[in-house]
Amino acid sequence: MFQDSPIYDRLIAECGDVPAQVRREAERVSRELEMVMRPLQSPGYGPGLDRPQSPGNGWQRTALLPGPRTH
């Protein structure tokens, strides 16, 4: 990146190549995120498709509003 830069060379010697370390870590995190997100991208989970419901989510109770009830 920096050619003939004694200051940069000295910083790398003292602290390590921080930009390269950050780049490797970002690539690792990106690969892990891709692996984690892959199940959500499998068939049946695309946009506009309903996801399978969990047990117990087949019905929903509606709340009653306060006030007089009509029967």
Protein backbone atom coordinates (compact mmCIF):
# COMPACT_ATOMS: atom_id res chain seq x y z
CA MET A 1 0.00 0.00 0.00
CA PHE A 2 2.60 2.57 1.10
CA GLN A 3 5.89 2.12 -0.74
CA ASP A 4 9.10 3.59 0.66
CA SER A 5 7.39 4.83 3.77
CA PRO A 6 9.65 4.37 6.80
CA ILE A 7 7.01 5.68 9.20
CA TYR A 8 4.42 3.16 7.98
CA ASP A 9 7.02 0.34 8.03
CA ARG A 10 7.94 1.25 11.60
CA LEU A 11 4.28 1.29 12.70
CA ILE A 12 3.75 -2.17 11.18
CA ALA A 13 6.89 -3.43 12.92
CA GLU A 14 5.67 -2.06 16.27
CA CYS A 15 1.92 -2.66 16.07
CA GLY A 16 1.45 -5.24 13.33
CA ASP A 17 -0.40 -4.75 10.07
CA VAL A 18 -3.68 -3.57 11.57
CA PRO A 19 -5.44 -2.86 8.23
CA ALA A 20 -4.66 -6.42 7.05
CA GLN A 21 -5.88 -7.86 10.37
CA VAL A 22 -9.11 -5.86 10.15
CA ARG A 23 -9.64 -6.97 6.54
CA ARG A 24 -9.16 -10.67 7.48
CA GLU A 25 -11.52 -10.33 10.44
CA ALA A 26 -14.17 -8.62 8.29
CA GLU A 27 -13.92 -11.42 5.72
CA ARG A 28 -14.27 -14.04 8.46
CA VAL A 29 -17.33 -12.32 9.94
CA SER A 30 -18.84 -12.00 6.46
CA ARG A 31 -18.38 -15.74 5.83
CA GLU A 32 -19.92 -16.62 9.21
CA LEU A 33 -22.87 -14.31 8.60
CA GLU A 34 -23.43 -15.88 5.18
CA MET A 35 -23.50 -19.35 6.78
CA VAL A 36 -25.94 -18.22 9.47
CA MET A 37 -28.25 -16.48 7.00
CA ARG A 38 -28.22 -19.35 4.48
CA PRO A 39 -31.17 -21.25 6.06
CA LEU A 40 -33.34 -18.15 5.62
CA GLN A 41 -32.47 -18.09 1.91
CA SER A 42 -33.44 -21.73 1.29
CA PRO A 43 -36.57 -22.64 -0.74
CA GLY A 44 -39.76 -21.96 1.14
CA TYR A 45 -38.42 -18.89 2.91
CA GLY A 46 -38.34 -16.45 0.03
CA PRO A 47 -40.07 -13.08 -0.06
CA GLY A 48 -43.84 -13.33 -0.13
CA LEU A 49 -43.89 -16.95 1.02
CA ASP A 50 -45.41 -17.85 4.35
CA ARG A 51 -43.07 -19.43 6.84
CA PRO A 52 -44.22 -22.59 8.57
CA GLN A 53 -45.94 -21.77 11.81
CA SER A 54 -44.60 -22.90 15.15
CA PRO A 55 -46.78 -25.15 17.26
CA GLY A 56 -49.24 -23.08 19.23
CA ASN A 57 -49.36 -20.28 16.66
CA GLY A 58 -52.26 -21.76 14.71
CA TRP A 59 -54.85 -19.53 16.37
CA GLN A 60 -54.95 -16.12 17.87
CA ARG A 61 -57.30 -14.79 20.49
CA THR A 62 -58.73 -11.36 19.86
CA ALA A 63 -58.92 -8.93 22.72
CA LEU A 64 -62.22 -7.48 23.82
CA LEU A 65 -62.46 -3.75 23.98
CA PRO A 66 -63.56 -2.22 27.27
CA GLY A 67 -67.15 -1.18 27.54
CA PRO A 68 -70.59 -2.75 27.34
CA ARG A 69 -70.76 -6.10 25.58
CA THR A 70 -73.48 -6.92 23.12
CA HIS A 71 -74.59 -10.54 22.99
